[in-house]
């Protein structure tokens, strides 16, 4: 039996043509009958590092009978030179979150996945205590359950006041041990007993707090005498609602192979 949380997170491989570039993490988000892959913006494009993939591949479970059966699903990032993915900006500048819509008709009927929904986001009046126990789910340095093709979960603690924009940016901080490949991972908290969403969301008893972006470091750190800071920027998950409000401009993309 697979924990439903692990089925929210496919590994994301980036490509320029046939050339493999990097791997990262993404997660599924469903709204108004449409399915999206959410990840960090720099997974789709990072001009600073000259990272310019033209497509991604994700891996989804494809059988109810065989937990190890998976399918690679290709998602083009551009159509005739036009982006088919969306990224956000806010008053603080660029937001390191992006979405691409998944063509659900191209997925096999037996596909096993779980998707977060707007029900999984915290409401304006909900509070998360400093130091709260959170999880970051993904593929650090591409590490996974290689047989069952599943991600791993790492412990994290809330390290800044939830609801405040740390340093004026649209993210909060978590204290966690992270690595390359975890970019785009969901940061979640176990749902309380009064969490009672409708439909398929009921089988996923987690609250989606944010999207992992990057490790942070102090400018005063001296590598010869200081350990790494161990703090990470996590963008608030409500940015997904703003991105999916623009869904009419985002054509579905992708095909299995």
C-alpha atoms as a PDB file:
ATOM      1  CA  UNK A   1       0.000   0.000   0.000  1.00  0.00           C
ATOM      2  CA  UNK A   2       1.417   3.371  -1.054  1.00  0.00           C
ATOM      3  CA  UNK A   3       0.995   6.404   1.175  1.00  0.00           C
ATOM      4  CA  UNK A   4      -1.162   8.834  -0.806  1.00  0.00           C
ATOM      5  CA  UNK A   5       1.274  11.698  -0.177  1.00  0.00           C
ATOM      6  CA  UNK A   6       4.004   9.929  -2.175  1.00  0.00           C
ATOM      7  CA  UNK A   7       1.730   9.713  -5.224  1.00  0.00           C
ATOM      8  CA  UNK A   8       1.500  13.507  -5.429  1.00  0.00           C
ATOM      9  CA  UNK A   9       5.177  13.916  -6.414  1.00  0.00           C
ATOM     10  CA  UNK A  10       6.647  12.747  -9.720  1.00  0.00           C
ATOM     11  CA  UNK A  11      10.317  13.121 -10.472  1.00  0.00           C
ATOM     12  CA  UNK A  12      10.925  15.769 -13.150  1.00  0.00           C
ATOM     13  CA  UNK A  13      13.601  15.279 -15.812  1.00  0.00           C
ATOM     14  CA  UNK A  14      14.542  18.248 -18.009  1.00  0.00           C
ATOM     15  CA  UNK A  15      15.739  17.988 -21.610  1.00  0.00           C
ATOM     16  CA  UNK A  16      17.024  20.183 -24.414  1.00  0.00           C
ATOM     17  CA  UNK A  17      16.052  18.125 -27.420  1.00  0.00           C
ATOM     18  CA  UNK A  18      17.377  14.630 -26.740  1.00  0.00           C
ATOM     19  CA  UNK A  19      19.989  15.870 -24.249  1.00  0.00           C
ATOM     20  CA  UNK A  20      19.193  15.162 -20.590  1.00  0.00           C
ATOM     21  CA  UNK A  21      19.916  18.171 -18.362  1.00  0.00           C
ATOM     22  CA  UNK A  22      18.778  17.908 -14.738  1.00  0.00           C
ATOM     23  CA  UNK A  23      16.303  16.255 -12.438  1.00  0.00           C
ATOM     24  CA  UNK A  24      14.022  17.949  -9.924  1.00  0.00           C
ATOM     25  CA  UNK A  25      10.739  17.451  -8.093  1.00  0.00           C
ATOM     26  CA  UNK A  26       7.192  18.459  -8.927  1.00  0.00           C
ATOM     27  CA  UNK A  27       3.713  17.779  -7.593  1.00  0.00           C
ATOM     28  CA  UNK A  28       0.184  17.576  -8.931  1.00  0.00           C
ATOM     29  CA  UNK A  29      -2.486  20.184  -8.272  1.00  0.00           C
ATOM     30  CA  UNK A  30      -6.084  19.816  -9.454  1.00  0.00           C
ATOM     31  CA  UNK A  31      -8.592  22.615  -9.869  1.00  0.00           C
ATOM     32  CA  UNK A  32     -11.861  22.932 -11.777  1.00  0.00           C
ATOM     33  CA  UNK A  33     -11.383  19.593 -13.482  1.00  0.00           C
ATOM     34  CA  UNK A  34      -7.885  20.419 -14.720  1.00  0.00           C
ATOM     35  CA  UNK A  35      -4.584  18.922 -13.660  1.00  0.00           C
ATOM     36  CA  UNK A  36      -1.324  20.834 -13.268  1.00  0.00           C
ATOM     37  CA  UNK A  37       2.273  20.019 -12.518  1.00  0.00           C
ATOM     38  CA  UNK A  38       3.756  22.513 -10.055  1.00  0.00           C
ATOM     39  CA  UNK A  39       7.507  22.960  -9.617  1.00  0.00           C
ATOM     40  CA  UNK A  40      10.134  25.658  -9.149  1.00  0.00           C
ATOM     41  CA  UNK A  41      10.408  28.171 -11.976  1.00  0.00           C
ATOM     42  CA  UNK A  42      14.144  27.595 -12.286  1.00  0.00           C
ATOM     43  CA  UNK A  43      13.426  23.981 -13.240  1.00  0.00           C
ATOM     44  CA  UNK A  44      11.767  25.242 -16.453  1.00  0.00           C
ATOM     45  CA  UNK A  45      14.107  28.163 -17.072  1.00  0.00           C
ATOM     46  CA  UNK A  46      17.148  29.620 -15.350  1.00  0.00           C
ATOM     47  CA  UNK A  47      18.890  32.287 -17.397  1.00  0.00           C
ATOM     48  CA  UNK A  48      21.557  32.797 -14.755  1.00  0.00           C
ATOM     49  CA  UNK A  49      22.766  29.226 -15.214  1.00  0.00           C
ATOM     50  CA  UNK A  50      21.875  29.070 -18.929  1.00  0.00           C
ATOM     51  CA  UNK A  51      19.410  26.295 -18.133  1.00  0.00           C
ATOM     52  CA  UNK A  52      16.933  26.298 -21.022  1.00  0.00           C
ATOM     53  CA  UNK A  53      15.074  22.999 -21.392  1.00  0.00           C
ATOM     54  CA  UNK A  54      12.445  22.690 -24.097  1.00  0.00           C
ATOM     55  CA  UNK A  55      10.606  19.774 -22.537  1.00  0.00           C
ATOM     56  CA  UNK A  56      10.336  17.747 -19.360  1.00  0.00           C
ATOM     57  CA  UNK A  57       9.492  14.164 -18.576  1.00  0.00           C
ATOM     58  CA  UNK A  58       7.676  12.998 -15.479  1.00  0.00           C
ATOM     59  CA  UNK A  59       7.077   9.473 -14.252  1.00  0.00           C
ATOM     60  CA  UNK A  60       3.629   8.350 -13.118  1.00  0.00           C
ATOM     61  CA  UNK A  61       2.407   5.048 -11.719  1.00  0.00           C
ATOM     62  CA  UNK A  62       0.407   3.263 -14.364  1.00  0.00           C
ATOM     63  CA  UNK A  63      -1.129   0.146 -12.805  1.00  0.00           C
ATOM     64  CA  UNK A  64      -3.479  -0.676  -9.966  1.00  0.00           C
ATOM     65  CA  UNK A  65      -2.126  -4.213  -9.850  1.00  0.00           C
ATOM     66  CA  UNK A  66       1.639  -3.571 -10.036  1.00  0.00           C
ATOM     67  CA  UNK A  67       2.992  -0.922  -7.681  1.00  0.00           C
ATOM     68  CA  UNK A  68       6.299  -0.808  -9.594  1.00  0.00           C
ATOM     69  CA  UNK A  69       4.731  -0.155 -13.018  1.00  0.00           C
ATOM     70  CA  UNK A  70       5.349   3.383 -14.267  1.00  0.00           C
ATOM     71  CA  UNK A  71       5.041   5.422 -17.428  1.00  0.00           C
ATOM     72  CA  UNK A  72       7.266   8.247 -18.645  1.00  0.00           C
ATOM     73  CA  UNK A  73       5.136  11.212 -19.693  1.00  0.00           C
ATOM     74  CA  UNK A  74       6.636  13.921 -21.897  1.00  0.00           C
ATOM     75  CA  UNK A  75       5.532  17.555 -21.501  1.00  0.00           C
ATOM     76  CA  UNK A  76       6.733  20.144 -24.039  1.00  0.00           C
ATOM     77  CA  UNK A  77       7.491  23.525 -22.525  1.00  0.00           C
ATOM     78  CA  UNK A  78       7.064  25.481 -25.762  1.00  0.00           C
ATOM     79  CA  UNK A  79       4.702  25.379 -28.728  1.00  0.00           C
ATOM     80  CA  UNK A  80       5.996  27.135 -31.849  1.00  0.00           C
ATOM     81  CA  UNK A  81       8.282  29.192 -29.653  1.00  0.00           C
ATOM     82  CA  UNK A  82       5.555  30.173 -27.187  1.00  0.00           C
ATOM     83  CA  UNK A  83       5.712  29.067 -23.560  1.00  0.00           C
ATOM     84  CA  UNK A  84       3.036  26.621 -22.443  1.00  0.00           C
ATOM     85  CA  UNK A  85       3.972  27.074 -18.790  1.00  0.00           C
ATOM     86  CA  UNK A  86       3.230  29.950 -16.454  1.00  0.00           C
ATOM     87  CA  UNK A  87       5.284  31.600 -13.734  1.00  0.00           C
ATOM     88  CA  UNK A  88       4.304  34.257 -11.223  1.00  0.00           C
ATOM     89  CA  UNK A  89       5.577  37.622 -10.091  1.00  0.00           C
ATOM     90  CA  UNK A  90       4.527  39.735  -7.137  1.00  0.00           C
ATOM     91  CA  UNK A  91       5.421  43.053  -5.530  1.00  0.00           C
ATOM     92  CA  UNK A  92       8.684  41.555  -4.301  1.00  0.00           C
ATOM     93  CA  UNK A  93       9.759  40.475  -7.803  1.00  0.00           C
ATOM     94  CA  UNK A  94       9.944  37.095  -9.514  1.00  0.00           C
ATOM     95  CA  UNK A  95       8.443  34.091  -7.766  1.00  0.00           C
ATOM     96  CA  UNK A  96      10.267  30.776  -8.101  1.00  0.00           C
ATOM     97  CA  UNK A  97       7.118  28.787  -8.878  1.00  0.00           C
ATOM     98  CA  UNK A  98       5.794  27.597 -12.233  1.00  0.00           C
ATOM     99  CA  UNK A  99       2.978  25.388 -13.511  1.00  0.00           C
ATOM    100  CA  UNK A 100       2.318  23.375 -16.650  1.00  0.00           C
ATOM    101  CA  UNK A 101      -1.045  21.825 -17.403  1.00  0.00           C
ATOM    102  CA  UNK A 102      -1.137  18.065 -17.937  1.00  0.00           C
ATOM    103  CA  UNK A 103      -3.283  16.616 -20.716  1.00  0.00           C
ATOM    104  CA  UNK A 104      -5.338  14.166 -18.703  1.00  0.00           C
ATOM    105  CA  UNK A 105      -6.711  12.527 -21.846  1.00  0.00           C
ATOM    106  CA  UNK A 106      -3.170  11.355 -22.677  1.00  0.00           C
ATOM    107  CA  UNK A 107      -2.780   9.569 -19.333  1.00  0.00           C
ATOM    108  CA  UNK A 108      -3.702   5.878 -19.222  1.00  0.00           C
ATOM    109  CA  UNK A 109      -6.955   5.098 -17.444  1.00  0.00           C
ATOM    110  CA  UNK A 110      -5.023   3.080 -14.862  1.00  0.00           C
ATOM    111  CA  UNK A 111      -2.803   6.002 -13.825  1.00  0.00           C
ATOM    112  CA  UNK A 112      -2.389   6.216 -10.052  1.00  0.00           C
ATOM    113  CA  UNK A 113      -1.741   9.710  -8.792  1.00  0.00           C
ATOM    114  CA  UNK A 114      -2.892  12.046  -6.076  1.00  0.00           C
ATOM    115  CA  UNK A 115      -3.306  15.778  -6.484  1.00  0.00           C
ATOM    116  CA  UNK A 116      -3.532  18.624  -4.027  1.00  0.00           C
ATOM    117  CA  UNK A 117      -6.523  20.921  -4.453  1.00  0.00           C
ATOM    118  CA  UNK A 118      -7.507  24.368  -3.161  1.00  0.00           C
ATOM    119  CA  UNK A 119      -9.004  22.525  -0.162  1.00  0.00           C
ATOM    120  CA  UNK A 120      -5.472  21.596   0.922  1.00  0.00           C
ATOM    121  CA  UNK A 121      -4.333  25.225   1.236  1.00  0.00           C
ATOM    122  CA  UNK A 122      -4.547  27.012   4.554  1.00  0.00           C
ATOM    123  CA  UNK A 123      -7.205  29.657   4.975  1.00  0.00           C
ATOM    124  CA  UNK A 124      -6.442  33.266   6.004  1.00  0.00           C
ATOM    125  CA  UNK A 125      -7.261  32.614   9.662  1.00  0.00           C
ATOM    126  CA  UNK A 126      -5.305  29.370  10.040  1.00  0.00           C
ATOM    127  CA  UNK A 127      -2.068  29.494  11.986  1.00  0.00           C
ATOM    128  CA  UNK A 128       1.092  27.378  11.919  1.00  0.00           C
ATOM    129  CA  UNK A 129       3.282  27.586  15.000  1.00  0.00           C
ATOM    130  CA  UNK A 130       6.956  28.406  14.775  1.00  0.00           C
ATOM    131  CA  UNK A 131       8.919  25.167  14.907  1.00  0.00           C
ATOM    132  CA  UNK A 132       5.979  23.139  13.584  1.00  0.00           C
ATOM    133  CA  UNK A 133       6.898  19.744  12.186  1.00  0.00           C
ATOM    134  CA  UNK A 134       6.678  19.721   8.385  1.00  0.00           C
ATOM    135  CA  UNK A 135       7.727  17.390   5.568  1.00  0.00           C
ATOM    136  CA  UNK A 136       9.489  18.069   2.267  1.00  0.00           C
ATOM    137  CA  UNK A 137       8.738  15.333  -0.261  1.00  0.00           C
ATOM    138  CA  UNK A 138      10.916  14.770  -3.291  1.00  0.00           C
ATOM    139  CA  UNK A 139      14.026  13.399  -4.941  1.00  0.00           C
ATOM    140  CA  UNK A 140      17.233  14.701  -3.317  1.00  0.00           C
ATOM    141  CA  UNK A 141      20.065  14.235  -5.838  1.00  0.00           C
ATOM    142  CA  UNK A 142      17.660  11.993  -7.757  1.00  0.00           C
ATOM    143  CA  UNK A 143      17.433   9.558  -4.845  1.00  0.00           C
ATOM    144  CA  UNK A 144      14.247   7.472  -4.748  1.00  0.00           C
ATOM    145  CA  UNK A 145      12.831   4.040  -4.094  1.00  0.00           C
ATOM    146  CA  UNK A 146      14.287   2.692  -7.341  1.00  0.00           C
ATOM    147  CA  UNK A 147      12.036  -0.365  -7.364  1.00  0.00           C
ATOM    148  CA  UNK A 148       8.708   1.306  -6.674  1.00  0.00           C
ATOM    149  CA  UNK A 149       9.705   4.684  -8.184  1.00  0.00           C
ATOM    150  CA  UNK A 150       8.618   6.720  -5.194  1.00  0.00           C
ATOM    151  CA  UNK A 151      10.027   9.869  -3.536  1.00  0.00           C
ATOM    152  CA  UNK A 152      11.273  10.204   0.014  1.00  0.00           C
ATOM    153  CA  UNK A 153      10.112  12.540   2.769  1.00  0.00           C
ATOM    154  CA  UNK A 154      12.494  14.665   4.834  1.00  0.00           C
ATOM    155  CA  UNK A 155      11.731  16.336   8.152  1.00  0.00           C
ATOM    156  CA  UNK A 156      11.558  20.125   8.241  1.00  0.00           C
ATOM    157  CA  UNK A 157      10.705  22.684  10.893  1.00  0.00           C
ATOM    158  CA  UNK A 158       9.043  26.044  10.395  1.00  0.00           C
ATOM    159  CA  UNK A 159      11.839  28.580  10.926  1.00  0.00           C
ATOM    160  CA  UNK A 160      10.074  31.916  10.334  1.00  0.00           C
ATOM    161  CA  UNK A 161       6.679  33.355  11.191  1.00  0.00           C
ATOM    162  CA  UNK A 162       4.130  31.723   8.905  1.00  0.00           C
ATOM    163  CA  UNK A 163       2.049  34.319   7.085  1.00  0.00           C
ATOM    164  CA  UNK A 164       4.827  36.917   6.967  1.00  0.00           C
ATOM    165  CA  UNK A 165       6.856  37.463   3.820  1.00  0.00           C
ATOM    166  CA  UNK A 166      10.416  36.838   4.945  1.00  0.00           C
ATOM    167  CA  UNK A 167      12.519  39.850   3.991  1.00  0.00           C
ATOM    168  CA  UNK A 168       9.597  41.153   1.920  1.00  0.00           C
ATOM    169  CA  UNK A 169       9.652  38.117  -0.374  1.00  0.00           C
ATOM    170  CA  UNK A 170       6.718  35.759  -0.897  1.00  0.00           C
ATOM    171  CA  UNK A 171       8.291  32.904   1.010  1.00  0.00           C
ATOM    172  CA  UNK A 172       8.818  31.559   4.513  1.00  0.00           C
ATOM    173  CA  UNK A 173      11.767  29.616   5.901  1.00  0.00           C
ATOM    174  CA  UNK A 174      12.146  26.018   6.958  1.00  0.00           C
ATOM    175  CA  UNK A 175      15.004  24.397   8.795  1.00  0.00           C
ATOM    176  CA  UNK A 176      15.778  21.248   6.797  1.00  0.00           C
ATOM    177  CA  UNK A 177      18.569  19.189   5.284  1.00  0.00           C
ATOM    178  CA  UNK A 178      18.069  19.520   1.503  1.00  0.00           C
ATOM    179  CA  UNK A 179      19.985  18.744  -1.671  1.00  0.00           C
ATOM    180  CA  UNK A 180      19.928  19.330  -5.402  1.00  0.00           C
ATOM    181  CA  UNK A 181      16.885  17.679  -6.976  1.00  0.00           C
ATOM    182  CA  UNK A 182      14.465  18.792  -4.283  1.00  0.00           C
ATOM    183  CA  UNK A 183      13.574  22.039  -6.111  1.00  0.00           C
ATOM    184  CA  UNK A 184       9.817  22.211  -6.636  1.00  0.00           C
ATOM    185  CA  UNK A 185       8.969  19.830  -3.803  1.00  0.00           C
ATOM    186  CA  UNK A 186       5.783  20.336  -1.784  1.00  0.00           C
ATOM    187  CA  UNK A 187       6.212  21.330   1.853  1.00  0.00           C
ATOM    188  CA  UNK A 188       3.326  19.895   3.827  1.00  0.00           C
ATOM    189  CA  UNK A 189       1.913  19.531   7.314  1.00  0.00           C
ATOM    190  CA  UNK A 190      -0.240  16.672   8.575  1.00  0.00           C
ATOM    191  CA  UNK A 191      -3.869  17.749   8.599  1.00  0.00           C
ATOM    192  CA  UNK A 192      -5.649  18.219  11.910  1.00  0.00           C
ATOM    193  CA  UNK A 193      -8.634  16.122  12.884  1.00  0.00           C
ATOM    194  CA  UNK A 194     -11.132  18.739  11.696  1.00  0.00           C
ATOM    195  CA  UNK A 195      -9.800  18.618   8.116  1.00  0.00           C
ATOM    196  CA  UNK A 196     -12.690  17.256   6.050  1.00  0.00           C
ATOM    197  CA  UNK A 197     -12.361  17.995   2.329  1.00  0.00           C
ATOM    198  CA  UNK A 198     -14.769  16.590  -0.217  1.00  0.00           C
ATOM    199  CA  UNK A 199     -14.152  14.072  -2.991  1.00  0.00           C
ATOM    200  CA  UNK A 200     -10.727  12.722  -3.848  1.00  0.00           C
ATOM    201  CA  UNK A 201      -9.042  15.262  -1.566  1.00  0.00           C
ATOM    202  CA  UNK A 202     -10.328  13.271   1.410  1.00  0.00           C
ATOM    203  CA  UNK A 203      -7.749  10.543   0.729  1.00  0.00           C
ATOM    204  CA  UNK A 204      -4.885  13.028   1.061  1.00  0.00           C
ATOM    205  CA  UNK A 205      -4.892  14.231   4.722  1.00  0.00           C
ATOM    206  CA  UNK A 206      -2.135  16.816   4.351  1.00  0.00           C
ATOM    207  CA  UNK A 207      -2.095  20.599   4.182  1.00  0.00           C
ATOM    208  CA  UNK A 208      -0.018  22.140   1.409  1.00  0.00           C
ATOM    209  CA  UNK A 209       2.002  25.036   2.823  1.00  0.00           C
ATOM    210  CA  UNK A 210       4.498  25.822   0.103  1.00  0.00           C
ATOM    211  CA  UNK A 211       6.908  24.988  -2.707  1.00  0.00           C
ATOM    212  CA  UNK A 212      10.583  24.430  -1.954  1.00  0.00           C
ATOM    213  CA  UNK A 213      12.830  26.805  -3.864  1.00  0.00           C
ATOM    214  CA  UNK A 214      16.433  26.931  -2.669  1.00  0.00           C
ATOM    215  CA  UNK A 215      18.827  26.727   0.226  1.00  0.00           C
ATOM    216  CA  UNK A 216      19.781  30.056   1.780  1.00  0.00           C
ATOM    217  CA  UNK A 217      23.168  31.057   3.129  1.00  0.00           C
ATOM    218  CA  UNK A 218      24.408  33.908   5.290  1.00  0.00           C
ATOM    219  CA  UNK A 219      26.677  36.388   3.485  1.00  0.00           C
ATOM    220  CA  UNK A 220      28.822  36.363   6.649  1.00  0.00           C
ATOM    221  CA  UNK A 221      29.500  32.635   6.513  1.00  0.00           C
ATOM    222  CA  UNK A 222      33.180  31.683   6.531  1.00  0.00           C
ATOM    223  CA  UNK A 223      33.441  28.180   4.974  1.00  0.00           C
ATOM    224  CA  UNK A 224      36.634  27.551   6.932  1.00  0.00           C
ATOM    225  CA  UNK A 225      34.862  27.805  10.289  1.00  0.00           C
ATOM    226  CA  UNK A 226      31.079  27.906   9.781  1.00  0.00           C
ATOM    227  CA  UNK A 227      28.690  25.080   8.985  1.00  0.00           C
ATOM    228  CA  UNK A 228      26.062  25.623   6.317  1.00  0.00           C
ATOM    229  CA  UNK A 229      23.045  27.533   7.556  1.00  0.00           C
ATOM    230  CA  UNK A 230      20.531  24.775   6.799  1.00  0.00           C
ATOM    231  CA  UNK A 231      17.687  27.185   6.049  1.00  0.00           C
ATOM    232  CA  UNK A 232      15.523  27.022   2.946  1.00  0.00           C
ATOM    233  CA  UNK A 233      13.162  29.362   1.099  1.00  0.00           C
ATOM    234  CA  UNK A 234       9.663  27.968   0.573  1.00  0.00           C
ATOM    235  CA  UNK A 235       7.188  29.981  -1.499  1.00  0.00           C
ATOM    236  CA  UNK A 236       3.681  30.246  -0.096  1.00  0.00           C
ATOM    237  CA  UNK A 237       1.352  27.782  -1.806  1.00  0.00           C
ATOM    238  CA  UNK A 238      -1.424  30.306  -2.400  1.00  0.00           C
ATOM    239  CA  UNK A 239       0.537  31.529  -5.438  1.00  0.00           C
ATOM    240  CA  UNK A 240      -0.802  28.410  -7.186  1.00  0.00           C
ATOM    241  CA  UNK A 241      -4.308  29.873  -7.042  1.00  0.00           C
ATOM    242  CA  UNK A 242      -3.129  32.996  -8.850  1.00  0.00           C
ATOM    243  CA  UNK A 243      -1.443  30.889 -11.528  1.00  0.00           C
ATOM    244  CA  UNK A 244      -4.405  28.599 -12.080  1.00  0.00           C
ATOM    245  CA  UNK A 245      -6.727  31.615 -12.308  1.00  0.00           C
ATOM    246  CA  UNK A 246      -4.937  32.225 -15.627  1.00  0.00           C
ATOM    247  CA  UNK A 247      -5.734  28.710 -16.783  1.00  0.00           C
ATOM    248  CA  UNK A 248      -7.578  29.814 -19.939  1.00  0.00           C
ATOM    249  CA  UNK A 249      -4.248  31.050 -21.320  1.00  0.00           C
ATOM    250  CA  UNK A 250      -2.477  27.779 -20.555  1.00  0.00           C
ATOM    251  CA  UNK A 251      -2.992  24.969 -23.109  1.00  0.00           C
ATOM    252  CA  UNK A 252      -2.660  21.411 -21.840  1.00  0.00           C
ATOM    253  CA  UNK A 253       0.496  19.659 -22.978  1.00  0.00           C
ATOM    254  CA  UNK A 254       2.079  16.266 -22.848  1.00  0.00           C
ATOM    255  CA  UNK A 255       1.990  12.713 -24.073  1.00  0.00           C
ATOM    256  CA  UNK A 256       3.052   9.340 -22.770  1.00  0.00           C
ATOM    257  CA  UNK A 257       5.718   7.203 -24.312  1.00  0.00           C
END
